[in-house]
């Protein structure tokens, strides 16, 4: 009978160790995903800036992205009013 109790206790202890290990793995995975998300956002922002610069250079400054956005906002607000 003592052997069964010892075995059950060992299984429970091993289960607890595995669960805490899984918890740690989950936290690590969340951190990795968070860092990957931030890296992706940064890459998108950098690409957007490079595209704006390339557009500006291609049009020799005739079209300014900021100016276009301001004009679109003004025309949208005029339509709503």
PDB file of N, CA and C in Angstrom:
ATOM      1  N   UNK A   1       0.813  -1.193   0.000  1.00  0.00           N
ATOM      2  CA  UNK A   1       0.000   0.000   0.000  1.00  0.00           C
ATOM      3  C   UNK A   1       0.854   1.253   0.000  1.00  0.00           C
ATOM      4  N   UNK A   2       1.967   1.241   0.718  1.00  0.00           N
ATOM      5  CA  UNK A   2       2.840   2.403   0.769  1.00  0.00           C
ATOM      6  C   UNK A   2       3.450   2.683  -0.594  1.00  0.00           C
ATOM      7  N   UNK A   3       3.705   1.645  -1.368  1.00  0.00           N
ATOM      8  CA  UNK A   3       4.295   1.811  -2.694  1.00  0.00           C
ATOM      9  C   UNK A   3       3.330   2.535  -3.621  1.00  0.00           C
ATOM     10  N   UNK A   4       2.043   2.186  -3.542  1.00  0.00           N
ATOM     11  CA  UNK A   4       1.030   2.874  -4.348  1.00  0.00           C
ATOM     12  C   UNK A   4       0.925   4.345  -3.963  1.00  0.00           C
ATOM     13  N   UNK A   5       0.933   4.642  -2.678  1.00  0.00           N
ATOM     14  CA  UNK A   5       0.845   6.019  -2.201  1.00  0.00           C
ATOM     15  C   UNK A   5       2.068   6.813  -2.650  1.00  0.00           C
ATOM     16  N   UNK A   6       3.224   6.181  -2.582  1.00  0.00           N
ATOM     17  CA  UNK A   6       4.461   6.827  -3.002  1.00  0.00           C
ATOM     18  C   UNK A   6       4.436   7.087  -4.509  1.00  0.00           C
ATOM     19  N   UNK A   7       3.926   6.146  -5.256  1.00  0.00           N
ATOM     20  CA  UNK A   7       3.817   6.310  -6.707  1.00  0.00           C
ATOM     21  C   UNK A   7       2.850   7.423  -7.069  1.00  0.00           C
ATOM     22  N   UNK A   8       1.710   7.462  -6.380  1.00  0.00           N
ATOM     23  CA  UNK A   8       0.721   8.508  -6.646  1.00  0.00           C
ATOM     24  C   UNK A   8       1.287   9.878  -6.300  1.00  0.00           C
ATOM     25  N   UNK A   9       2.003   9.976  -5.208  1.00  0.00           N
ATOM     26  CA  UNK A   9       2.610  11.239  -4.808  1.00  0.00           C
ATOM     27  C   UNK A   9       3.657  11.675  -5.833  1.00  0.00           C
ATOM     28  N   UNK A  10       4.408  10.704  -6.334  1.00  0.00           N
ATOM     29  CA  UNK A  10       5.426  11.019  -7.341  1.00  0.00           C
ATOM     30  C   UNK A  10       4.782  11.522  -8.625  1.00  0.00           C
ATOM     31  N   UNK A  11       3.697  10.872  -9.040  1.00  0.00           N
ATOM     32  CA  UNK A  11       2.991  11.299 -10.247  1.00  0.00           C
ATOM     33  C   UNK A  11       2.435  12.703 -10.062  1.00  0.00           C
ATOM     34  N   UNK A  12       1.848  12.985  -8.911  1.00  0.00           N
ATOM     35  CA  UNK A  12       1.315  14.318  -8.646  1.00  0.00           C
ATOM     36  C   UNK A  12       2.421  15.369  -8.637  1.00  0.00           C
ATOM     37  N   UNK A  13       3.534  15.056  -8.013  1.00  0.00           N
ATOM     38  CA  UNK A  13       4.653  15.995  -7.965  1.00  0.00           C
ATOM     39  C   UNK A  13       5.190  16.258  -9.373  1.00  0.00           C
ATOM     40  N   UNK A  14       5.312  15.201 -10.167  1.00  0.00           N
ATOM     41  CA  UNK A  14       5.788  15.349 -11.537  1.00  0.00           C
ATOM     42  C   UNK A  14       4.803  16.184 -12.363  1.00  0.00           C
ATOM     43  N   UNK A  15       3.516  15.975 -12.143  1.00  0.00           N
ATOM     44  CA  UNK A  15       2.496  16.758 -12.845  1.00  0.00           C
ATOM     45  C   UNK A  15       2.613  18.236 -12.502  1.00  0.00           C
ATOM     46  N   UNK A  16       2.818  18.540 -11.233  1.00  0.00           N
ATOM     47  CA  UNK A  16       2.964  19.936 -10.818  1.00  0.00           C
ATOM     48  C   UNK A  16       4.194  20.578 -11.455  1.00  0.00           C
ATOM     49  N   UNK A  17       5.281  19.831 -11.511  1.00  0.00           N
ATOM     50  CA  UNK A  17       6.502  20.342 -12.138  1.00  0.00           C
ATOM     51  C   UNK A  17       6.256  20.616 -13.620  1.00  0.00           C
ATOM     52  N   UNK A  18       5.553  19.704 -14.295  1.00  0.00           N
ATOM     53  CA  UNK A  18       5.261  19.882 -15.715  1.00  0.00           C
ATOM     54  C   UNK A  18       4.346  21.081 -15.945  1.00  0.00           C
ATOM     55  N   UNK A  19       3.346  21.251 -15.082  1.00  0.00           N
ATOM     56  CA  UNK A  19       2.422  22.377 -15.223  1.00  0.00           C
ATOM     57  C   UNK A  19       3.159  23.691 -15.033  1.00  0.00           C
ATOM     58  N   UNK A  20       4.014  23.774 -14.035  1.00  0.00           N
ATOM     59  CA  UNK A  20       4.757  25.013 -13.820  1.00  0.00           C
ATOM     60  C   UNK A  20       5.719  25.254 -14.978  1.00  0.00           C
ATOM     61  N   UNK A  21       6.258  24.184 -15.544  1.00  0.00           N
ATOM     62  CA  UNK A  21       7.116  24.319 -16.718  1.00  0.00           C
ATOM     63  C   UNK A  21       6.335  24.834 -17.907  1.00  0.00           C
ATOM     64  N   UNK A  22       5.121  24.350 -18.078  1.00  0.00           N
ATOM     65  CA  UNK A  22       4.262  24.814 -19.180  1.00  0.00           C
ATOM     66  C   UNK A  22       3.911  26.292 -19.003  1.00  0.00           C
ATOM     67  N   UNK A  23       3.686  26.685 -17.770  1.00  0.00           N
ATOM     68  CA  UNK A  23       3.397  28.081 -17.467  1.00  0.00           C
ATOM     69  C   UNK A  23       4.565  28.970 -17.883  1.00  0.00           C
ATOM     70  N   UNK A  24       5.765  28.506 -17.583  1.00  0.00           N
ATOM     71  CA  UNK A  24       6.963  29.259 -17.939  1.00  0.00           C
ATOM     72  C   UNK A  24       7.124  29.327 -19.453  1.00  0.00           C
ATOM     73  N   UNK A  25       6.839  28.227 -20.126  1.00  0.00           N
ATOM     74  CA  UNK A  25       6.932  28.195 -21.588  1.00  0.00           C
ATOM     75  C   UNK A  25       5.919  29.162 -22.190  1.00  0.00           C
ATOM     76  N   UNK A  26       4.720  29.197 -21.633  1.00  0.00           N
ATOM     77  CA  UNK A  26       3.688  30.105 -22.139  1.00  0.00           C
ATOM     78  C   UNK A  26       4.121  31.563 -21.976  1.00  0.00           C
ATOM     79  N   UNK A  27       4.676  31.894 -20.809  1.00  0.00           N
ATOM     80  CA  UNK A  27       5.142  33.265 -20.587  1.00  0.00           C
ATOM     81  C   UNK A  27       6.257  33.624 -21.562  1.00  0.00           C
ATOM     82  N   UNK A  28       7.169  32.696 -21.775  1.00  0.00           N
ATOM     83  CA  UNK A  28       8.266  32.941 -22.715  1.00  0.00           C
ATOM     84  C   UNK A  28       7.732  33.136 -24.127  1.00  0.00           C
ATOM     85  N   UNK A  29       6.780  32.313 -24.504  1.00  0.00           N
ATOM     86  CA  UNK A  29       6.187  32.428 -25.843  1.00  0.00           C
ATOM     87  C   UNK A  29       5.491  33.774 -26.010  1.00  0.00           C
ATOM     88  N   UNK A  30       4.802  34.232 -24.982  1.00  0.00           N
ATOM     89  CA  UNK A  30       4.131  35.536 -25.047  1.00  0.00           C
ATOM     90  C   UNK A  30       5.145  36.662 -25.203  1.00  0.00           C
ATOM     91  N   UNK A  31       6.281  36.539 -24.512  1.00  0.00           N
ATOM     92  CA  UNK A  31       7.318  37.557 -24.641  1.00  0.00           C
ATOM     93  C   UNK A  31       7.890  37.574 -26.055  1.00  0.00           C
ATOM     94  N   UNK A  32       8.124  36.386 -26.606  1.00  0.00           N
ATOM     95  CA  UNK A  32       8.667  36.294 -27.968  1.00  0.00           C
ATOM     96  C   UNK A  32       7.672  36.875 -28.966  1.00  0.00           C
ATOM     97  N   UNK A  33       6.396  36.553 -28.801  1.00  0.00           N
ATOM     98  CA  UNK A  33       5.368  37.076 -29.700  1.00  0.00           C
ATOM     99  C   UNK A  33       5.287  38.596 -29.573  1.00  0.00           C
ATOM    100  N   UNK A  34       5.372  39.108 -28.362  1.00  0.00           N
ATOM    101  CA  UNK A  34       5.352  40.558 -28.149  1.00  0.00           C
ATOM    102  C   UNK A  34       6.515  41.247 -28.846  1.00  0.00           C
ATOM    103  N   UNK A  35       7.703  40.665 -28.732  1.00  0.00           N
ATOM    104  CA  UNK A  35       8.879  41.244 -29.389  1.00  0.00           C
ATOM    105  C   UNK A  35       8.747  41.161 -30.907  1.00  0.00           C
ATOM    106  N   UNK A  36       8.220  40.056 -31.403  1.00  0.00           N
ATOM    107  CA  UNK A  36       8.031  39.899 -32.850  1.00  0.00           C
ATOM    108  C   UNK A  36       7.018  40.920 -33.362  1.00  0.00           C
ATOM    109  N   UNK A  37       5.973  41.164 -32.588  1.00  0.00           N
ATOM    110  CA  UNK A  37       4.965  42.153 -32.969  1.00  0.00           C
ATOM    111  C   UNK A  37       5.572  43.548 -33.053  1.00  0.00           C
ATOM    112  N   UNK A  38       6.372  43.900 -32.058  1.00  0.00           N
ATOM    113  CA  UNK A  38       7.020  45.209 -32.068  1.00  0.00           C
ATOM    114  C   UNK A  38       7.969  45.339 -33.252  1.00  0.00           C
ATOM    115  N   UNK A  39       8.701  44.279 -33.551  1.00  0.00           N
ATOM    116  CA  UNK A  39       9.619  44.302 -34.693  1.00  0.00           C
ATOM    117  C   UNK A  39       8.850  44.469 -36.000  1.00  0.00           C
ATOM    118  N   UNK A  40       7.722  43.787 -36.118  1.00  0.00           N
ATOM    119  CA  UNK A  40       6.905  43.897 -37.330  1.00  0.00           C
ATOM    120  C   UNK A  40       6.358  45.314 -37.479  1.00  0.00           C
ATOM    121  N   UNK A  41       5.891  45.901 -36.381  1.00  0.00           N
ATOM    122  CA  UNK A  41       5.386  47.272 -36.430  1.00  0.00           C
ATOM    123  C   UNK A  41       6.484  48.234 -36.870  1.00  0.00           C
ATOM    124  N   UNK A  42       7.680  48.041 -36.320  1.00  0.00           N
ATOM    125  CA  UNK A  42       8.799  48.909 -36.673  1.00  0.00           C
ATOM    126  C   UNK A  42       9.153  48.754 -38.149  1.00  0.00           C
ATOM    127  N   UNK A  43       9.140  47.530 -38.640  1.00  0.00           N
ATOM    128  CA  UNK A  43       9.450  47.286 -40.051  1.00  0.00           C
ATOM    129  C   UNK A  43       8.409  47.952 -40.951  1.00  0.00           C
ATOM    130  N   UNK A  44       7.148  47.878 -40.561  1.00  0.00           N
ATOM    131  CA  UNK A  44       6.083  48.517 -41.339  1.00  0.00           C
ATOM    132  C   UNK A  44       6.273  50.029 -41.343  1.00  0.00           C
ATOM    133  N   UNK A  45       6.561  50.597 -40.172  1.00  0.00           N
ATOM    134  CA  UNK A  45       6.784  52.042 -40.095  1.00  0.00           C
ATOM    135  C   UNK A  45       7.974  52.471 -40.947  1.00  0.00           C
ATOM    136  N   UNK A  46       9.062  51.711 -40.877  1.00  0.00           N
ATOM    137  CA  UNK A  46      10.256  52.031 -41.670  1.00  0.00           C
ATOM    138  C   UNK A  46       9.961  51.934 -43.163  1.00  0.00           C
ATOM    139  N   UNK A  47       9.209  50.915 -43.546  1.00  0.00           N
ATOM    140  CA  UNK A  47       8.849  50.747 -44.955  1.00  0.00           C
ATOM    141  C   UNK A  47       7.972  51.903 -45.431  1.00  0.00           C
ATOM    142  N   UNK A  48       7.038  52.315 -44.574  1.00  0.00           N
ATOM    143  CA  UNK A  48       6.155  53.430 -44.915  1.00  0.00           C
ATOM    144  C   UNK A  48       6.965  54.717 -45.122  1.00  0.00           C
ATOM    145  N   UNK A  49       7.902  54.968 -44.218  1.00  0.00           N
ATOM    146  CA  UNK A  49       8.735  56.169 -44.349  1.00  0.00           C
ATOM    147  C   UNK A  49       9.570  56.112 -45.622  1.00  0.00           C
ATOM    148  N   UNK A  50      10.127  54.942 -45.920  1.00  0.00           N
ATOM    149  CA  UNK A  50      10.935  54.796 -47.131  1.00  0.00           C
ATOM    150  C   UNK A  50      10.081  54.993 -48.381  1.00  0.00           C
ATOM    151  N   UNK A  51       8.857  54.491 -48.357  1.00  0.00           N
ATOM    152  CA  UNK A  51       7.964  54.657 -49.504  1.00  0.00           C
ATOM    153  C   UNK A  51       7.605  56.126 -49.702  1.00  0.00           C
ATOM    154  N   UNK A  52       7.333  56.827 -48.602  1.00  0.00           N
ATOM    155  CA  UNK A  52       7.036  58.262 -48.698  1.00  0.00           C
ATOM    156  C   UNK A  52       8.225  59.025 -49.272  1.00  0.00           C
ATOM    157  N   UNK A  53       9.418  58.665 -48.803  1.00  0.00           N
ATOM    158  CA  UNK A  53      10.618  59.341 -49.297  1.00  0.00           C
ATOM    159  C   UNK A  53      10.826  59.041 -50.780  1.00  0.00           C
ATOM    160  N   UNK A  54      10.630  57.792 -51.169  1.00  0.00           N
ATOM    161  CA  UNK A  54      10.792  57.421 -52.581  1.00  0.00           C
ATOM    162  C   UNK A  54       9.774  58.146 -53.445  1.00  0.00           C
ATOM    163  N   UNK A  55       8.547  58.262 -52.972  1.00  0.00           N
ATOM    164  CA  UNK A  55       7.509  58.981 -53.706  1.00  0.00           C
ATOM    165  C   UNK A  55       7.883  60.450 -53.849  1.00  0.00           C
ATOM    166  N   UNK A  56       8.357  61.022 -52.775  1.00  0.00           N
ATOM    167  CA  UNK A  56       8.756  62.416 -52.809  1.00  0.00           C
ATOM    168  C   UNK A  56       9.892  62.643 -53.786  1.00  0.00           C
ATOM    169  N   UNK A  57      10.868  61.745 -53.778  1.00  0.00           N
ATOM    170  CA  UNK A  57      11.994  61.865 -54.703  1.00  0.00           C
ATOM    171  C   UNK A  57      11.544  61.640 -56.146  1.00  0.00           C
ATOM    172  N   UNK A  58      10.633  60.702 -56.345  1.00  0.00           N
ATOM    173  CA  UNK A  58      10.173  60.394 -57.699  1.00  0.00           C
ATOM    174  C   UNK A  58       9.367  61.543 -58.286  1.00  0.00           C
ATOM    175  N   UNK A  59       8.618  62.218 -57.438  1.00  0.00           N
ATOM    176  CA  UNK A  59       7.810  63.340 -57.927  1.00  0.00           C
ATOM    177  C   UNK A  59       8.549  64.658 -57.744  1.00  0.00           C
ATOM    178  N   UNK A  60       9.779  64.573 -57.320  1.00  0.00           N
ATOM    179  CA  UNK A  60      10.642  65.737 -57.089  1.00  0.00           C
ATOM    180  C   UNK A  60       9.975  66.747 -56.168  1.00  0.00           C
ATOM    181  N   UNK A  61       9.324  66.236 -55.163  1.00  0.00           N
ATOM    182  CA  UNK A  61       8.734  67.100 -54.156  1.00  0.00           C
ATOM    183  C   UNK A  61       7.437  67.761 -54.566  1.00  0.00           C
ATOM    184  N   UNK A  62       6.890  67.421 -55.722  1.00  0.00           N
ATOM    185  CA  UNK A  62       5.632  68.037 -56.162  1.00  0.00           C
ATOM    186  C   UNK A  62       4.464  67.608 -55.286  1.00  0.00           C
ATOM    187  N   UNK A  63       4.533  66.369 -54.806  1.00  0.00           N
ATOM    188  CA  UNK A  63       3.475  65.850 -53.935  1.00  0.00           C
ATOM    189  C   UNK A  63       4.102  65.550 -52.583  1.00  0.00           C
ATOM    190  N   UNK A  64       3.579  66.157 -51.563  1.00  0.00           N
ATOM    191  CA  UNK A  64       4.049  65.914 -50.203  1.00  0.00           C
ATOM    192  C   UNK A  64       3.026  65.037 -49.496  1.00  0.00           C
ATOM    193  N   UNK A  65       3.423  63.873 -48.943  1.00  0.00           N
ATOM    194  CA  UNK A  65       2.452  62.983 -48.283  1.00  0.00           C
ATOM    195  C   UNK A  65       1.680  63.682 -47.171  1.00  0.00           C
ATOM    196  N   UNK A  66       2.354  64.527 -46.400  1.00  0.00           N
ATOM    197  CA  UNK A  66       1.669  65.216 -45.314  1.00  0.00           C
ATOM    198  C   UNK A  66       0.626  66.186 -45.882  1.00  0.00           C
ATOM    199  N   UNK A  67       0.985  66.865 -46.967  1.00  0.00           N
ATOM    200  CA  UNK A  67       0.073  67.823 -47.581  1.00  0.00           C
ATOM    201  C   UNK A  67      -1.156  67.103 -48.146  1.00  0.00           C
ATOM    202  N   UNK A  68      -0.940  65.938 -48.747  1.00  0.00           N
ATOM    203  CA  UNK A  68      -2.056  65.155 -49.283  1.00  0.00           C
ATOM    204  C   UNK A  68      -3.013  64.761 -48.175  1.00  0.00           C
ATOM    205  N   UNK A  69      -2.468  64.290 -47.044  1.00  0.00           N
ATOM    206  CA  UNK A  69      -3.316  63.863 -45.929  1.00  0.00           C
ATOM    207  C   UNK A  69      -4.126  65.039 -45.403  1.00  0.00           C
ATOM    208  N   UNK A  70      -3.493  66.232 -45.293  1.00  0.00           N
ATOM    209  CA  UNK A  70      -4.207  67.404 -44.810  1.00  0.00           C
ATOM    210  C   UNK A  70      -5.338  67.782 -45.753  1.00  0.00           C
ATOM    211  N   UNK A  71      -5.067  67.728 -47.062  1.00  0.00           N
ATOM    212  CA  UNK A  71      -6.093  68.062 -48.045  1.00  0.00           C
ATOM    213  C   UNK A  71      -7.249  67.070 -47.999  1.00  0.00           C
ATOM    214  N   UNK A  72      -6.932  65.766 -47.801  1.00  0.00           N
ATOM    215  CA  UNK A  72      -7.989  64.759 -47.721  1.00  0.00           C
ATOM    216  C   UNK A  72      -8.853  64.991 -46.489  1.00  0.00           C
ATOM    217  N   UNK A  73      -8.232  65.315 -45.366  1.00  0.00           N
ATOM    218  CA  UNK A  73      -8.991  65.558 -44.142  1.00  0.00           C
ATOM    219  C   UNK A  73      -9.899  66.773 -44.309  1.00  0.00           C
ATOM    220  N   UNK A  74      -9.381  67.816 -44.950  1.00  0.00           N
ATOM    221  CA  UNK A  74     -10.191  69.010 -45.162  1.00  0.00           C
ATOM    222  C   UNK A  74     -11.385  68.714 -46.070  1.00  0.00           C
ATOM    223  N   UNK A  75     -11.145  67.970 -47.141  1.00  0.00           N
ATOM    224  CA  UNK A  75     -12.251  67.656 -48.057  1.00  0.00           C
ATOM    225  C   UNK A  75     -13.266  66.738 -47.403  1.00  0.00           C
ATOM    226  N   UNK A  76     -12.810  65.831 -46.546  1.00  0.00           N
ATOM    227  CA  UNK A  76     -13.738  64.954 -45.825  1.00  0.00           C
ATOM    228  C   UNK A  76     -14.593  65.740 -44.836  1.00  0.00           C
ATOM    229  N   UNK A  77     -13.975  66.695 -44.137  1.00  0.00           N
ATOM    230  CA  UNK A  77     -14.737  67.470 -43.167  1.00  0.00           C
ATOM    231  C   UNK A  77     -15.710  68.412 -43.875  1.00  0.00           C
ATOM    232  N   UNK A  78     -15.362  68.887 -45.070  1.00  0.00           N
ATOM    233  CA  UNK A  78     -16.275  69.735 -45.829  1.00  0.00           C
ATOM    234  C   UNK A  78     -17.477  68.941 -46.334  1.00  0.00           C
ATOM    235  N   UNK A  79     -17.267  67.687 -46.689  1.00  0.00           N
ATOM    236  CA  UNK A  79     -18.349  66.848 -47.165  1.00  0.00           C
ATOM    237  C   UNK A  79     -19.328  66.529 -46.053  1.00  0.00           C
ATOM    238  N   UNK A  80     -18.813  66.338 -44.832  1.00  0.00           N
ATOM    239  CA  UNK A  80     -19.656  65.994 -43.695  1.00  0.00           C
ATOM    240  C   UNK A  80     -20.522  67.175 -43.269  1.00  0.00           C
ATOM    241  N   UNK A  81     -20.023  68.386 -43.454  1.00  0.00           N
ATOM    242  CA  UNK A  81     -20.746  69.579 -42.999  1.00  0.00           C
ATOM    243  C   UNK A  81     -21.833  69.979 -43.926  1.00  0.00           C
TER     244      UNK A  81
END
